[in-house]
Amino acid sequence: MKIGLYFGSFNPIHNGHLIIANHILQNTTLDQIWFVVSPQNPFKQSGTLLNEYHRLHLVQQAIEGEAKLKASDIEFSLPRPSYTIDTLTYLEEKYPENSFSVIMGSDSYQNIAKWKSGEVLQKRYPILVYLRPGFSIAEDAAKKATILNAPMLDISSTIIRKMVAAGQSIRYMVPETVNEEILKSGYYK
């Protein structure tokens, strides 16, 4: 099976993430996309992160009933911080029958040289890059990846967290089940 790994903090998952995943499924030969919830991104401060199990639960709620989308907690049991190359190595050993691709935004792709074994990652795995406004890809770098023009929403998890903290509605920015869980549990207050 061809699996696209969509790594992220998903703090929280929002409709922009889901639109990108759907677009990639519709426009590639991937069989599934796994939302890999990262407990600790080496490039982000962990202090603003909701507990990883709560974030995983929100992803599960967001994709409930979607056969081609899966929430993954694979990095929860791996050393922290999470490094994509280590996760891929582990997944290849655990699921040798599958092939894996990495999904990322052009903002992340611009920094791939700073990643642990970034060059190895680009050589060993297909990279699917969705373009984000303000983060273009140089022509030579584009040759190492598949560039996708996914529909973009101008929302982010950061904006959503700030809105929740300010008591503003995030309805229509996240799936309704996610909105309800955030309100009920008092996340991001």
C-alpha atoms as a PDB file:
ATOM      1  CA  MET A   1       0.000   0.000   0.000  1.00  0.00           C
ATOM      2  CA  LYS A   2       1.224   3.527  -0.781  1.00  0.00           C
ATOM      3  CA  ILE A   3       0.977   5.689   2.310  1.00  0.00           C
ATOM      4  CA  GLY A   4       1.524   9.431   2.601  1.00  0.00           C
ATOM      5  CA  LEU A   5       2.737  10.553   5.995  1.00  0.00           C
ATOM      6  CA  TYR A   6       1.434  13.978   6.975  1.00  0.00           C
ATOM      7  CA  PHE A   7       3.527  14.934  10.000  1.00  0.00           C
ATOM      8  CA  GLY A   8       2.456  17.709  12.309  1.00  0.00           C
ATOM      9  CA  SER A   9       1.675  18.937  15.774  1.00  0.00           C
ATOM     10  CA  PHE A  10      -1.996  19.304  14.785  1.00  0.00           C
ATOM     11  CA  ASN A  11      -2.438  21.695  17.702  1.00  0.00           C
ATOM     12  CA  PRO A  12      -5.347  21.532  16.800  1.00  0.00           C
ATOM     13  CA  ILE A  13      -6.137  19.906  13.471  1.00  0.00           C
ATOM     14  CA  HIS A  14      -8.211  22.224  11.278  1.00  0.00           C
ATOM     15  CA  ASN A  15     -10.085  22.207   7.975  1.00  0.00           C
ATOM     16  CA  GLY A  16      -7.000  23.434   6.108  1.00  0.00           C
ATOM     17  CA  HIS A  17      -5.180  20.205   7.032  1.00  0.00           C
ATOM     18  CA  LEU A  18      -8.131  18.121   5.867  1.00  0.00           C
ATOM     19  CA  ILE A  19      -8.489  19.984   2.563  1.00  0.00           C
ATOM     20  CA  ILE A  20      -4.795  19.424   1.820  1.00  0.00           C
ATOM     21  CA  ALA A  21      -5.032  15.700   2.658  1.00  0.00           C
ATOM     22  CA  ASN A  22      -8.127  15.281   0.489  1.00  0.00           C
ATOM     23  CA  HIS A  23      -6.507  17.135  -2.419  1.00  0.00           C
ATOM     24  CA  ILE A  24      -3.403  14.952  -2.212  1.00  0.00           C
ATOM     25  CA  LEU A  25      -5.478  11.760  -2.140  1.00  0.00           C
ATOM     26  CA  GLN A  26      -7.420  12.940  -5.193  1.00  0.00           C
ATOM     27  CA  ASN A  27      -4.329  13.955  -7.186  1.00  0.00           C
ATOM     28  CA  THR A  28      -1.748  11.261  -6.428  1.00  0.00           C
ATOM     29  CA  THR A  29      -1.598   7.465  -6.402  1.00  0.00           C
ATOM     30  CA  LEU A  30      -1.560   7.258  -2.590  1.00  0.00           C
ATOM     31  CA  ASP A  31      -3.881   4.697  -1.024  1.00  0.00           C
ATOM     32  CA  GLN A  32      -3.968   6.341   2.419  1.00  0.00           C
ATOM     33  CA  ILE A  33      -2.747   9.356   4.317  1.00  0.00           C
ATOM     34  CA  TRP A  34      -1.655   8.958   7.910  1.00  0.00           C
ATOM     35  CA  PHE A  35      -1.765  12.051  10.131  1.00  0.00           C
ATOM     36  CA  VAL A  36       1.356  11.476  12.242  1.00  0.00           C
ATOM     37  CA  VAL A  37       0.815  13.424  15.441  1.00  0.00           C
ATOM     38  CA  SER A  38       4.238  14.594  16.602  1.00  0.00           C
ATOM     39  CA  PRO A  39       4.566  14.745  20.380  1.00  0.00           C
ATOM     40  CA  GLN A  40       7.527  17.118  20.104  1.00  0.00           C
ATOM     41  CA  ASN A  41       8.709  18.816  16.919  1.00  0.00           C
ATOM     42  CA  PRO A  42      12.424  19.682  17.219  1.00  0.00           C
ATOM     43  CA  PHE A  43      11.716  23.098  15.656  1.00  0.00           C
ATOM     44  CA  LYS A  44       8.838  24.066  17.967  1.00  0.00           C
ATOM     45  CA  GLN A  45       8.565  24.831  21.658  1.00  0.00           C
ATOM     46  CA  SER A  46       6.610  22.164  23.506  1.00  0.00           C
ATOM     47  CA  GLY A  47       5.159  24.558  26.089  1.00  0.00           C
ATOM     48  CA  THR A  48       2.263  25.610  23.831  1.00  0.00           C
ATOM     49  CA  LEU A  49       1.323  22.057  22.877  1.00  0.00           C
ATOM     50  CA  LEU A  50      -1.849  20.405  24.068  1.00  0.00           C
ATOM     51  CA  ASN A  51      -1.120  16.918  25.431  1.00  0.00           C
ATOM     52  CA  GLU A  52      -0.341  14.589  22.522  1.00  0.00           C
ATOM     53  CA  TYR A  53      -3.149  12.169  23.400  1.00  0.00           C
ATOM     54  CA  HIS A  54      -5.689  15.006  23.306  1.00  0.00           C
ATOM     55  CA  ARG A  55      -4.327  16.144  19.913  1.00  0.00           C
ATOM     56  CA  LEU A  56      -4.485  12.560  18.625  1.00  0.00           C
ATOM     57  CA  HIS A  57      -8.081  12.293  19.830  1.00  0.00           C
ATOM     58  CA  LEU A  58      -8.989  15.511  17.972  1.00  0.00           C
ATOM     59  CA  VAL A  59      -7.430  14.118  14.773  1.00  0.00           C
ATOM     60  CA  GLN A  60      -9.358  10.870  15.229  1.00  0.00           C
ATOM     61  CA  GLN A  61     -12.591  12.813  15.620  1.00  0.00           C
ATOM     62  CA  ALA A  62     -11.822  14.974  12.580  1.00  0.00           C
ATOM     63  CA  ILE A  63     -11.316  11.998  10.257  1.00  0.00           C
ATOM     64  CA  GLU A  64     -13.879   9.593  11.700  1.00  0.00           C
ATOM     65  CA  GLY A  65     -15.499   7.566   8.928  1.00  0.00           C
ATOM     66  CA  GLU A  66     -12.799   8.415   6.351  1.00  0.00           C
ATOM     67  CA  ALA A  67     -11.340   5.072   5.235  1.00  0.00           C
ATOM     68  CA  LYS A  68      -8.341   6.616   3.479  1.00  0.00           C
ATOM     69  CA  LEU A  69      -7.312   8.807   6.422  1.00  0.00           C
ATOM     70  CA  LYS A  70      -5.723   7.475   9.605  1.00  0.00           C
ATOM     71  CA  ALA A  71      -4.492   9.070  12.838  1.00  0.00           C
ATOM     72  CA  SER A  72      -1.099   7.742  13.890  1.00  0.00           C
ATOM     73  CA  ASP A  73       0.528   7.818  17.315  1.00  0.00           C
ATOM     74  CA  ILE A  74       3.668   6.079  16.050  1.00  0.00           C
ATOM     75  CA  GLU A  75       5.974   8.831  17.343  1.00  0.00           C
ATOM     76  CA  PHE A  76       4.588   8.615  20.887  1.00  0.00           C
ATOM     77  CA  SER A  77       6.760   5.567  21.600  1.00  0.00           C
ATOM     78  CA  LEU A  78       9.883   6.850  19.800  1.00  0.00           C
ATOM     79  CA  PRO A  79      12.666   8.998  21.327  1.00  0.00           C
ATOM     80  CA  ARG A  80      11.970  12.730  21.576  1.00  0.00           C
ATOM     81  CA  PRO A  81      12.204  15.087  19.879  1.00  0.00           C
ATOM     82  CA  SER A  82      10.710  13.361  16.838  1.00  0.00           C
ATOM     83  CA  TYR A  83      12.852  13.179  13.704  1.00  0.00           C
ATOM     84  CA  THR A  84      11.146  12.272  10.439  1.00  0.00           C
ATOM     85  CA  ILE A  85      13.994  10.050   9.225  1.00  0.00           C
ATOM     86  CA  ASP A  86      13.869   7.979  12.435  1.00  0.00           C
ATOM     87  CA  THR A  87      10.105   7.580  12.193  1.00  0.00           C
ATOM     88  CA  LEU A  88      10.356   6.470   8.556  1.00  0.00           C
ATOM     89  CA  THR A  89      13.065   3.925   9.397  1.00  0.00           C
ATOM     90  CA  TYR A  90      10.863   2.521  12.172  1.00  0.00           C
ATOM     91  CA  LEU A  91       7.772   2.411   9.931  1.00  0.00           C
ATOM     92  CA  GLU A  92       9.660   0.590   7.159  1.00  0.00           C
ATOM     93  CA  GLU A  93      10.707  -2.077   9.660  1.00  0.00           C
ATOM     94  CA  LYS A  94       7.218  -2.380  11.157  1.00  0.00           C
ATOM     95  CA  TYR A  95       5.310  -2.281   7.836  1.00  0.00           C
ATOM     96  CA  PRO A  96       7.663  -3.667   5.143  1.00  0.00           C
ATOM     97  CA  GLU A  97       4.712  -4.306   2.823  1.00  0.00           C
ATOM     98  CA  ASN A  98       4.014  -0.554   2.524  1.00  0.00           C
ATOM     99  CA  SER A  99       5.828   2.262   0.767  1.00  0.00           C
ATOM    100  CA  PHE A 100       5.936   5.671   2.404  1.00  0.00           C
ATOM    101  CA  SER A 101       5.946   9.237   1.108  1.00  0.00           C
ATOM    102  CA  VAL A 102       6.323  12.409   3.138  1.00  0.00           C
ATOM    103  CA  ILE A 103       3.796  15.255   2.844  1.00  0.00           C
ATOM    104  CA  MET A 104       4.887  18.763   3.797  1.00  0.00           C
ATOM    105  CA  GLY A 105       4.269  22.408   3.078  1.00  0.00           C
ATOM    106  CA  SER A 106       6.701  24.469   1.039  1.00  0.00           C
ATOM    107  CA  ASP A 107       7.619  26.353   4.241  1.00  0.00           C
ATOM    108  CA  SER A 108       8.934  23.123   5.775  1.00  0.00           C
ATOM    109  CA  TYR A 109      10.520  22.010   2.513  1.00  0.00           C
ATOM    110  CA  GLN A 110      12.559  25.213   2.382  1.00  0.00           C
ATOM    111  CA  ASN A 111      14.188  24.089   5.656  1.00  0.00           C
ATOM    112  CA  ILE A 112      14.713  20.408   4.828  1.00  0.00           C
ATOM    113  CA  ALA A 113      18.496  20.875   4.671  1.00  0.00           C
ATOM    114  CA  LYS A 114      18.359  21.662   8.436  1.00  0.00           C
ATOM    115  CA  TRP A 115      16.511  18.434   9.205  1.00  0.00           C
ATOM    116  CA  LYS A 116      18.284  15.408  10.639  1.00  0.00           C
ATOM    117  CA  SER A 117      19.492  13.469   7.560  1.00  0.00           C
ATOM    118  CA  GLY A 118      17.508  15.793   5.281  1.00  0.00           C
ATOM    119  CA  GLU A 119      19.519  14.806   2.201  1.00  0.00           C
ATOM    120  CA  VAL A 120      19.017  11.092   2.917  1.00  0.00           C
ATOM    121  CA  LEU A 121      15.305  11.718   3.411  1.00  0.00           C
ATOM    122  CA  GLN A 122      15.050  13.333  -0.023  1.00  0.00           C
ATOM    123  CA  LYS A 123      16.952  10.505  -1.714  1.00  0.00           C
ATOM    124  CA  ARG A 124      15.119   7.611  -0.076  1.00  0.00           C
ATOM    125  CA  TYR A 125      11.509   8.803   0.048  1.00  0.00           C
ATOM    126  CA  PRO A 126       9.110  10.566  -2.297  1.00  0.00           C
ATOM    127  CA  ILE A 127       8.370  14.063  -0.978  1.00  0.00           C
ATOM    128  CA  LEU A 128       4.994  15.625  -1.756  1.00  0.00           C
ATOM    129  CA  VAL A 129       5.078  19.388  -1.245  1.00  0.00           C
ATOM    130  CA  TYR A 130       1.975  21.573  -1.177  1.00  0.00           C
ATOM    131  CA  LEU A 131       2.697  25.198  -1.949  1.00  0.00           C
ATOM    132  CA  ARG A 132       2.039  27.732   0.783  1.00  0.00           C
ATOM    133  CA  PRO A 133       1.740  31.439   0.038  1.00  0.00           C
ATOM    134  CA  GLY A 134       5.035  33.256   0.488  1.00  0.00           C
ATOM    135  CA  PHE A 135       7.131  30.069   0.402  1.00  0.00           C
ATOM    136  CA  SER A 136       8.216  29.344  -3.150  1.00  0.00           C
ATOM    137  CA  ILE A 137      10.401  26.412  -4.138  1.00  0.00           C
ATOM    138  CA  ALA A 138      13.606  26.952  -6.097  1.00  0.00           C
ATOM    139  CA  GLU A 139      13.759  25.136  -9.433  1.00  0.00           C
ATOM    140  CA  ASP A 140      16.625  22.831  -8.387  1.00  0.00           C
ATOM    141  CA  ALA A 141      14.839  21.910  -5.137  1.00  0.00           C
ATOM    142  CA  ALA A 142      11.588  21.266  -7.036  1.00  0.00           C
ATOM    143  CA  LYS A 143      13.333  18.488  -8.980  1.00  0.00           C
ATOM    144  CA  LYS A 144      13.661  16.483  -5.745  1.00  0.00           C
ATOM    145  CA  ALA A 145       9.951  16.615  -4.879  1.00  0.00           C
ATOM    146  CA  THR A 146       6.455  16.478  -6.332  1.00  0.00           C
ATOM    147  CA  ILE A 147       4.939  19.949  -6.104  1.00  0.00           C
ATOM    148  CA  LEU A 148       1.167  20.160  -5.588  1.00  0.00           C
ATOM    149  CA  ASN A 149      -1.073  23.212  -5.774  1.00  0.00           C
ATOM    150  CA  ALA A 150      -3.528  22.277  -3.031  1.00  0.00           C
ATOM    151  CA  PRO A 151      -6.313  24.718  -2.130  1.00  0.00           C
ATOM    152  CA  MET A 152      -5.209  26.908   0.766  1.00  0.00           C
ATOM    153  CA  LEU A 153      -7.209  28.398   3.593  1.00  0.00           C
ATOM    154  CA  ASP A 154      -5.670  31.326   5.407  1.00  0.00           C
ATOM    155  CA  ILE A 155      -6.038  29.723   8.836  1.00  0.00           C
ATOM    156  CA  SER A 156      -3.543  28.184  11.207  1.00  0.00           C
ATOM    157  CA  SER A 157      -3.539  26.295  14.456  1.00  0.00           C
ATOM    158  CA  THR A 158      -1.898  29.338  16.067  1.00  0.00           C
ATOM    159  CA  ILE A 159      -4.797  31.592  15.030  1.00  0.00           C
ATOM    160  CA  ILE A 160      -7.305  29.015  16.252  1.00  0.00           C
ATOM    161  CA  ARG A 161      -5.621  28.753  19.672  1.00  0.00           C
ATOM    162  CA  LYS A 162      -5.612  32.556  20.019  1.00  0.00           C
ATOM    163  CA  MET A 163      -9.282  32.756  19.067  1.00  0.00           C
ATOM    164  CA  VAL A 164     -10.251  30.093  21.604  1.00  0.00           C
ATOM    165  CA  ALA A 165      -8.224  31.866  24.316  1.00  0.00           C
ATOM    166  CA  ALA A 166     -10.040  35.120  23.453  1.00  0.00           C
ATOM    167  CA  GLY A 167     -13.440  33.410  23.657  1.00  0.00           C
ATOM    168  CA  GLN A 168     -14.091  33.716  19.924  1.00  0.00           C
ATOM    169  CA  SER A 169     -15.855  31.094  17.822  1.00  0.00           C
ATOM    170  CA  ILE A 170     -13.777  28.727  15.688  1.00  0.00           C
ATOM    171  CA  ARG A 171     -16.832  27.192  14.092  1.00  0.00           C
ATOM    172  CA  TYR A 172     -16.238  26.419  10.384  1.00  0.00           C
ATOM    173  CA  MET A 173     -12.458  26.533  10.900  1.00  0.00           C
ATOM    174  CA  VAL A 174     -12.365  23.042  12.401  1.00  0.00           C
ATOM    175  CA  PRO A 175     -14.695  20.063  11.971  1.00  0.00           C
ATOM    176  CA  GLU A 176     -17.757  20.423  14.216  1.00  0.00           C
ATOM    177  CA  THR A 177     -16.752  17.413  16.341  1.00  0.00           C
ATOM    178  CA  VAL A 178     -13.368  19.049  16.999  1.00  0.00           C
ATOM    179  CA  ASN A 179     -15.022  22.365  17.852  1.00  0.00           C
ATOM    180  CA  GLU A 180     -17.358  20.637  20.310  1.00  0.00           C
ATOM    181  CA  GLU A 181     -14.497  18.729  21.985  1.00  0.00           C
ATOM    182  CA  ILE A 182     -12.359  21.863  22.346  1.00  0.00           C
ATOM    183  CA  LEU A 183     -15.289  23.724  23.955  1.00  0.00           C
ATOM    184  CA  LYS A 184     -16.343  20.827  26.174  1.00  0.00           C
ATOM    185  CA  SER A 185     -12.816  20.098  27.411  1.00  0.00           C
ATOM    186  CA  GLY A 186     -11.735  23.709  27.772  1.00  0.00           C
ATOM    187  CA  TYR A 187      -8.667  23.269  25.562  1.00  0.00           C
ATOM    188  CA  TYR A 188      -6.572  26.346  24.697  1.00  0.00           C
ATOM    189  CA  LYS A 189      -8.264  28.584  27.289  1.00  0.00           C
END
